[in-house]
Amino acid sequence: MKTTNLSLPRRCLVLSVLAAGVSAWLPAAAQPAAYPNHPIRVIVPFGAGTSTDNITRVMGDAMGRALGQSLIIENKAGGGGTIGTDAVARAPADGYTLVMGTVGTHAINKSLYRKLSYDPMRDFAPIALVGQTPTLLVVGENSPLRTLKDLAAAAGKAQGIGFASAGNGTSGHLAGELLKSRMGGTMVHVPYKEGGLAMSDVMSGQVDFMFYHPAAVLPQIRAGKLRALGASGAQRSAAAPEVPTIAEQIGGNFDLVAWFMLYAPAATPAPVLARLREAASAVLAQADVQQKLAAQGVEKASVQTADLPAFGQREIGKWAELVKQSGAQVD
C-alpha cells in the first residue's frame, strides 16, 4: 500500500482546515455565552432604605433594561460598609456580582481601618461614578435645636450633645467631627450599624443630630419628622436649596461631599467591564434617571471613565487627612 508523506507546512494546513470544520459543527451550547445571560447581583453594603440603597435601585432598574437582564439588589450591611464590600472583592470576577461603593467604603475606610480586609484600588474595577451629594445636618422635628447657633450653645453645656452616624468613619461621622472641631463644645459620636437605625433615633429625639444624605432624609423632612439645619457642601444642595450651607452660617471652609460609584471585582474581563460601562453611561444620560437621582439629592459628577482610578486615589488622600484630624480608628 502506497502512503503519502505530507510536508510539515501542508500537514499544518490540513489540521487547520479540519479544526475549522469541527468548530463550525459544534452545538451552540459549546460556544461562549454572550454577557449577560442571567441576572446580575448588586450588593448594597448598607441597609434597606438608606441613600445608597435608594440610589442603587434607581440604577438597577434602568441598567436592567439596558442590559436585558434583571439586576437583583441585595443589602449586606455592617462594619461601616466593609462586610458587603469585602464580599464583592472575593466574588467571582465574571460580571455577575457588583457593588455600589461609596466615599466610605472606597475612600474613608482605607485609612480608618488598621486591617481593612480589601483594598479599594487593587481589588475593584470602577464602572461608573453615579453622582455626588452633600449631606444634610438634621434634627428631630420636636428638637429644641432650630439653628446652628442653638446647636453650638447646647454643645457648650456641661452634658453636651450627641450625634449619630451610619458607622465609624462614614462621611456622616467625619462631618460631625469636623463640625465639632469648628464649633467647639462636647459632641459625642454615636455610631450605628446602618443609617436607617441612626435616623430613627434622631427622629425620636434619642440622639440630637446627624449628617445624612438627602436621598434618605428628604422624605422624613417632608413628612414632618426631621428638620434640616445645614448642608455640608460648598454649595447648597440642589435637592434642598432652601437649606443654607454650614459655611454660610459659621464662615470658613466646610466642604464635605459624598459620592457613589458602581464597581466590579478587579479581575473582571475587559469585554464585560466595557459592556457594563456602556450600559451605565447610557443610563446616566437618560432624562428620567437624572430626574430620579436629582430627587434623591444626587448631583452629576463629571469624571470620565479613564479618570476614575485617579479620582479614587485623590479621594483616599483627602479623607485620610480628615480621619487623622478626627482621631477615628477601627481595629
Protein backbone atom coordinates (compact mmCIF):
# COMPACT_ATOMS: atom_id res chain seq x y z
CA MET A 1 0.00 0.00 0.00
CA LYS A 2 1.35 3.33 -1.01
CA THR A 3 1.50 6.06 1.66
CA THR A 4 1.64 9.79 1.10
CA ASN A 5 4.05 11.83 3.16
CA LEU A 6 2.86 15.40 3.68
CA SER A 7 5.33 18.16 4.23
CA LEU A 8 5.13 19.98 7.59
CA PRO A 9 3.51 23.14 6.14
CA ARG A 10 0.95 21.08 4.23
CA ARG A 11 0.21 18.96 7.31
CA CYS A 12 -0.42 22.12 9.41
CA LEU A 13 -2.77 23.45 6.72
CA VAL A 14 -4.79 20.22 6.71
CA LEU A 15 -5.08 20.23 10.50
CA SER A 16 -6.23 23.88 10.48
CA VAL A 17 -8.95 23.10 7.94
CA LEU A 18 -10.13 20.09 9.95
CA ALA A 19 -10.21 22.15 13.16
CA ALA A 20 -12.25 24.89 11.49
CA GLY A 21 -14.71 22.32 10.19
CA VAL A 22 -15.14 20.73 13.61
CA SER A 23 -15.71 24.11 15.35
CA ALA A 24 -18.32 25.04 12.77
CA TRP A 25 -20.34 21.96 13.70
CA LEU A 26 -20.08 22.45 17.49
CA PRO A 27 -23.50 22.91 19.16
CA ALA A 28 -24.42 26.40 20.33
CA ALA A 29 -24.11 25.29 23.95
CA ALA A 30 -20.37 24.81 23.50
CA GLN A 31 -19.85 28.39 22.34
CA PRO A 32 -19.13 31.16 24.91
CA ALA A 33 -22.41 32.75 26.05
CA ALA A 34 -22.89 36.46 25.47
CA TYR A 35 -22.77 38.63 28.61
CA PRO A 36 -25.04 38.93 30.45
CA ASN A 37 -27.08 35.73 30.11
CA HIS A 38 -28.57 35.62 33.63
CA PRO A 39 -29.42 38.11 36.42
CA ILE A 40 -26.70 40.27 37.96
CA ARG A 41 -26.41 40.69 41.72
CA VAL A 42 -25.62 44.17 43.06
CA ILE A 43 -24.54 44.34 46.69
CA VAL A 44 -25.54 47.41 48.71
CA PRO A 45 -23.16 47.43 51.70
CA PHE A 46 -25.72 49.32 53.81
CA GLY A 47 -29.29 48.68 54.93
CA ALA A 48 -32.59 48.96 53.07
CA GLY A 49 -33.96 52.50 52.84
CA THR A 50 -30.53 54.13 53.10
CA SER A 51 -29.38 56.60 50.48
CA THR A 52 -27.03 54.04 48.92
CA ASP A 53 -29.91 51.57 48.69
CA ASN A 54 -32.28 54.09 47.09
CA ILE A 55 -29.70 55.19 44.52
CA THR A 56 -28.76 51.61 43.67
CA ARG A 57 -32.39 50.74 42.98
CA VAL A 58 -32.73 53.67 40.58
CA MET A 59 -29.62 52.49 38.71
CA GLY A 60 -30.59 48.83 38.95
CA ASP A 61 -33.97 49.29 37.28
CA ALA A 62 -32.52 51.31 34.41
CA MET A 63 -29.42 49.17 33.87
CA GLY A 64 -31.53 46.02 33.92
CA ARG A 65 -33.48 47.34 30.95
CA ALA A 66 -30.28 48.40 29.16
CA LEU A 67 -28.60 45.03 29.68
CA GLY A 68 -31.67 42.88 29.11
CA GLN A 69 -31.24 41.15 32.48
CA SER A 70 -32.53 41.80 35.97
CA LEU A 71 -30.22 43.46 38.49
CA ILE A 72 -31.02 41.91 41.86
CA ILE A 73 -30.29 44.28 44.75
CA GLU A 74 -29.01 42.63 47.92
CA ASN A 75 -28.43 44.54 51.16
CA LYS A 76 -25.41 43.34 53.14
CA ALA A 77 -24.94 45.91 55.91
CA GLY A 78 -22.43 46.15 58.73
CA GLY A 79 -18.91 47.23 59.57
CA GLY A 80 -19.23 50.68 58.00
CA GLY A 81 -19.88 49.02 54.65
CA THR A 82 -16.88 46.68 54.87
CA ILE A 83 -18.85 43.42 55.08
CA GLY A 84 -20.74 43.80 51.82
CA THR A 85 -17.79 45.39 50.04
CA ASP A 86 -15.44 42.59 51.05
CA ALA A 87 -17.96 40.01 49.81
CA VAL A 88 -17.72 41.51 46.32
CA ALA A 89 -13.92 41.72 46.44
CA ARG A 90 -13.93 37.94 47.00
CA ALA A 91 -16.71 37.16 44.50
CA PRO A 92 -16.05 35.53 41.09
CA ALA A 93 -14.84 38.20 38.66
CA ASP A 94 -17.40 37.34 35.98
CA GLY A 95 -19.56 40.48 35.96
CA TYR A 96 -22.43 38.88 37.87
CA THR A 97 -21.60 40.37 41.30
CA LEU A 98 -21.18 44.15 41.61
CA VAL A 99 -21.16 46.62 44.49
CA MET A 100 -22.41 50.17 44.87
CA GLY A 101 -19.37 51.68 46.54
CA THR A 102 -19.39 54.93 48.43
CA VAL A 103 -16.96 57.54 49.67
CA GLY A 104 -16.95 55.50 52.88
CA THR A 105 -16.27 52.04 51.50
CA HIS A 106 -13.77 53.10 48.83
CA ALA A 107 -12.03 56.16 50.28
CA ILE A 108 -12.52 56.69 54.03
CA ASN A 109 -12.16 53.07 55.13
CA LYS A 110 -8.67 52.85 53.64
CA SER A 111 -7.26 55.00 56.45
CA LEU A 112 -9.93 54.31 59.07
CA TYR A 113 -9.36 50.56 59.46
CA ARG A 114 -6.00 49.31 60.65
CA LYS A 115 -6.62 45.95 58.96
CA LEU A 116 -9.06 46.53 56.11
CA SER A 117 -9.99 43.19 54.52
CA TYR A 118 -9.96 44.61 50.98
CA ASP A 119 -8.01 47.24 49.05
CA PRO A 120 -10.25 49.86 47.41
CA MET A 121 -7.87 50.38 44.50
CA ARG A 122 -6.35 46.92 43.97
CA ASP A 123 -9.45 44.75 44.44
CA PHE A 124 -12.01 46.66 42.34
CA ALA A 125 -12.57 47.93 38.82
CA PRO A 126 -14.68 51.14 38.64
CA ILE A 127 -17.66 51.05 36.29
CA ALA A 128 -19.30 54.47 36.69
CA LEU A 129 -19.40 57.40 39.10
CA VAL A 130 -23.16 57.67 39.64
CA GLY A 131 -23.03 61.07 41.31
CA GLN A 132 -22.23 63.06 44.42
CA THR A 133 -24.16 64.74 47.17
CA PRO A 134 -23.61 66.93 50.20
CA THR A 135 -25.07 65.64 53.44
CA LEU A 136 -27.72 67.47 55.43
CA LEU A 137 -27.42 68.15 59.14
CA VAL A 138 -30.80 67.09 60.56
CA VAL A 139 -32.51 67.07 63.94
CA GLY A 140 -35.82 65.61 65.04
CA GLU A 141 -38.86 67.77 64.33
CA ASN A 142 -39.50 68.19 68.08
CA SER A 143 -35.88 69.10 68.85
CA PRO A 144 -35.32 72.46 70.58
CA LEU A 145 -32.33 72.96 68.23
CA ARG A 146 -33.57 75.17 65.41
CA THR A 147 -30.31 76.76 64.21
CA LEU A 148 -26.58 76.03 64.29
CA LYS A 149 -26.32 78.71 66.95
CA ASP A 150 -28.68 76.66 69.13
CA LEU A 151 -26.61 73.57 68.44
CA ALA A 152 -23.38 75.31 69.44
CA ALA A 153 -24.96 76.58 72.64
CA ALA A 154 -26.19 73.08 73.57
CA ALA A 155 -22.74 71.60 72.84
CA GLY A 156 -21.22 74.17 75.18
CA LYS A 157 -23.27 72.97 78.15
CA ALA A 158 -21.86 70.51 80.65
CA GLN A 159 -23.75 67.47 79.32
CA GLY A 160 -23.02 68.30 75.68
CA ILE A 161 -24.94 66.68 72.81
CA GLY A 162 -24.71 63.51 70.74
CA PHE A 163 -24.61 62.94 67.01
CA ALA A 164 -25.47 59.74 65.20
CA SER A 165 -23.95 58.21 62.08
CA ALA A 166 -24.19 55.10 59.92
CA GLY A 167 -20.94 53.88 61.47
CA ASN A 168 -17.41 54.82 62.45
CA GLY A 169 -15.59 56.66 59.71
CA THR A 170 -18.59 57.22 57.46
CA SER A 171 -18.95 60.61 55.81
CA GLY A 172 -21.61 61.49 58.40
CA HIS A 173 -19.24 60.66 61.25
CA LEU A 174 -16.40 62.74 59.83
CA ALA A 175 -18.72 65.65 59.06
CA GLY A 176 -19.76 65.62 62.72
CA GLU A 177 -16.13 65.55 63.85
CA LEU A 178 -15.28 68.45 61.54
CA LEU A 179 -18.25 70.43 62.89
CA LYS A 180 -17.10 69.74 66.46
CA SER A 181 -13.58 70.96 65.65
CA ARG A 182 -15.01 74.11 64.09
CA MET A 183 -17.64 74.93 66.73
CA GLY A 184 -16.16 73.51 69.92
CA GLY A 185 -18.09 72.11 72.85
CA THR A 186 -18.92 68.50 73.57
CA MET A 187 -20.35 66.44 70.71
CA VAL A 188 -20.32 62.71 71.36
CA HIS A 189 -20.37 60.37 68.37
CA VAL A 190 -22.95 57.56 68.48
CA PRO A 191 -22.22 55.03 65.69
CA TYR A 192 -24.94 52.72 64.38
CA LYS A 193 -24.82 49.58 62.27
CA GLU A 194 -26.57 51.45 59.45
CA GLY A 195 -28.04 54.85 58.75
CA GLY A 196 -31.72 53.92 58.91
CA LEU A 197 -31.43 52.99 62.58
CA ALA A 198 -29.50 56.18 63.33
CA MET A 199 -32.11 58.28 61.54
CA SER A 200 -34.92 56.65 63.55
CA ASP A 201 -33.24 57.60 66.83
CA VAL A 202 -32.69 61.18 65.65
CA MET A 203 -36.38 61.41 64.70
CA SER A 204 -37.40 60.14 68.15
CA GLY A 205 -35.02 62.52 69.93
CA GLN A 206 -32.79 59.82 71.44
CA VAL A 207 -29.80 61.38 69.64
CA ASP A 208 -29.55 65.10 68.93
CA PHE A 209 -28.47 65.27 65.28
CA MET A 210 -26.79 63.55 62.36
CA PHE A 211 -25.37 64.27 58.91
CA TYR A 212 -27.02 62.15 56.25
CA HIS A 213 -27.70 62.10 52.53
CA PRO A 214 -30.75 63.90 51.10
CA ALA A 215 -31.83 60.62 49.49
CA ALA A 216 -32.73 59.26 52.92
CA VAL A 217 -33.71 62.34 54.96
CA LEU A 218 -35.80 64.36 52.49
CA PRO A 219 -38.86 62.05 52.71
CA GLN A 220 -38.73 62.36 56.50
CA ILE A 221 -38.31 66.14 56.29
CA ARG A 222 -41.36 66.36 54.01
CA ALA A 223 -43.28 64.11 56.40
CA GLY A 224 -42.51 66.50 59.27
CA LYS A 225 -40.31 64.05 61.19
CA LEU A 226 -36.94 65.74 60.63
CA ARG A 227 -35.71 69.32 60.22
CA ALA A 228 -32.57 70.34 58.29
CA LEU A 229 -30.23 72.94 59.80
CA GLY A 230 -27.45 72.97 57.23
CA ALA A 231 -25.79 71.37 54.20
CA SER A 232 -22.20 70.10 54.20
CA GLY A 233 -21.14 71.13 50.68
CA ALA A 234 -19.59 74.31 49.37
CA GLN A 235 -22.87 75.00 47.54
CA ARG A 236 -26.42 74.36 48.64
CA SER A 237 -27.92 71.00 47.79
CA ALA A 238 -29.87 71.04 44.54
CA ALA A 239 -32.47 68.82 46.22
CA ALA A 240 -32.90 71.19 49.18
CA PRO A 241 -31.84 74.68 48.03
CA GLU A 242 -33.72 76.28 50.92
CA VAL A 243 -31.21 74.79 53.41
CA PRO A 244 -28.17 77.09 53.90
CA THR A 245 -24.72 75.57 53.88
CA ILE A 246 -22.80 75.26 57.11
CA ALA A 247 -20.10 77.50 55.66
CA GLU A 248 -22.71 80.22 55.09
CA GLN A 249 -23.63 80.09 58.76
CA ILE A 250 -20.29 79.70 60.54
CA GLY A 251 -17.87 81.00 57.93
CA GLY A 252 -14.64 79.44 56.71
CA ASN A 253 -14.28 76.30 54.64
CA PHE A 254 -16.70 73.44 55.23
CA ASP A 255 -16.99 71.27 52.14
CA LEU A 256 -17.65 67.55 52.52
CA VAL A 257 -19.36 65.78 49.63
CA ALA A 258 -20.22 62.09 49.49
CA TRP A 259 -20.25 60.07 46.26
CA PHE A 260 -21.49 56.76 44.86
CA MET A 261 -19.64 54.56 42.37
CA LEU A 262 -20.52 51.19 40.84
CA TYR A 263 -17.66 48.66 40.95
CA ALA A 264 -16.88 45.12 39.78
CA PRO A 265 -14.16 42.81 41.13
CA ALA A 266 -10.76 43.82 39.74
CA ALA A 267 -10.16 40.74 37.55
CA THR A 268 -13.43 41.11 35.63
CA PRO A 269 -12.74 40.57 31.89
CA ALA A 270 -12.30 43.73 29.83
CA PRO A 271 -15.23 42.97 27.45
CA VAL A 272 -17.57 42.54 30.43
CA LEU A 273 -16.39 45.80 32.00
CA ALA A 274 -16.87 47.55 28.67
CA ARG A 275 -20.44 46.27 28.44
CA LEU A 276 -21.23 47.41 31.99
CA ARG A 277 -19.64 50.82 31.45
CA GLU A 278 -21.51 51.31 28.21
CA ALA A 279 -24.83 50.47 29.88
CA ALA A 280 -24.14 52.68 32.92
CA SER A 281 -23.10 55.61 30.73
CA ALA A 282 -26.25 55.29 28.62
CA VAL A 283 -28.46 55.07 31.71
CA LEU A 284 -26.89 58.11 33.39
CA ALA A 285 -27.62 60.16 30.26
CA GLN A 286 -31.35 59.35 30.39
CA ALA A 287 -33.55 62.25 31.48
CA ASP A 288 -35.81 60.10 33.68
CA VAL A 289 -32.82 58.62 35.53
CA GLN A 290 -31.33 62.09 36.02
CA GLN A 291 -34.65 63.25 37.46
CA LYS A 292 -34.89 60.30 39.85
CA LEU A 293 -31.32 60.77 41.05
CA ALA A 294 -31.83 64.52 41.45
CA ALA A 295 -34.90 63.80 43.57
CA GLN A 296 -32.60 61.77 45.82
CA GLY A 297 -30.22 64.72 46.13
CA VAL A 298 -27.63 63.22 43.79
CA GLU A 299 -25.84 65.72 41.59
CA LYS A 300 -23.87 64.93 38.44
CA ALA A 301 -20.15 64.36 38.84
CA SER A 302 -18.22 64.89 35.61
CA VAL A 303 -15.40 62.35 35.76
CA GLN A 304 -14.51 60.33 32.67
CA THR A 305 -14.21 56.54 32.97
CA ALA A 306 -10.47 56.64 32.27
CA ASP A 307 -10.02 59.13 35.13
CA LEU A 308 -11.92 57.12 37.76
CA PRO A 309 -8.83 55.40 39.25
CA ALA A 310 -7.07 58.76 39.69
CA PHE A 311 -10.25 60.21 41.22
CA GLY A 312 -10.38 57.33 43.70
CA GLN A 313 -6.74 57.80 44.69
CA ARG A 314 -7.26 61.54 45.28
CA GLU A 315 -10.31 60.85 47.46
CA ILE A 316 -8.38 58.36 49.58
CA GLY A 317 -5.77 61.02 50.27
CA LYS A 318 -8.32 63.74 51.01
CA TRP A 319 -10.31 61.72 53.53
CA ALA A 320 -7.17 60.34 55.16
CA GLU A 321 -6.48 63.86 56.40
CA LEU A 322 -9.95 64.10 57.93
CA VAL A 323 -9.66 60.68 59.55
CA LYS A 324 -6.35 61.75 61.09
CA GLN A 325 -7.90 65.02 62.29
CA SER A 326 -10.85 63.21 63.86
CA GLY A 327 -8.69 60.62 65.58
CA ALA A 328 -11.12 57.93 64.42
CA GLN A 329 -9.72 54.40 64.14
CA VAL A 330 -11.31 50.99 63.84
CA ASP A 331 -9.45 47.75 64.58
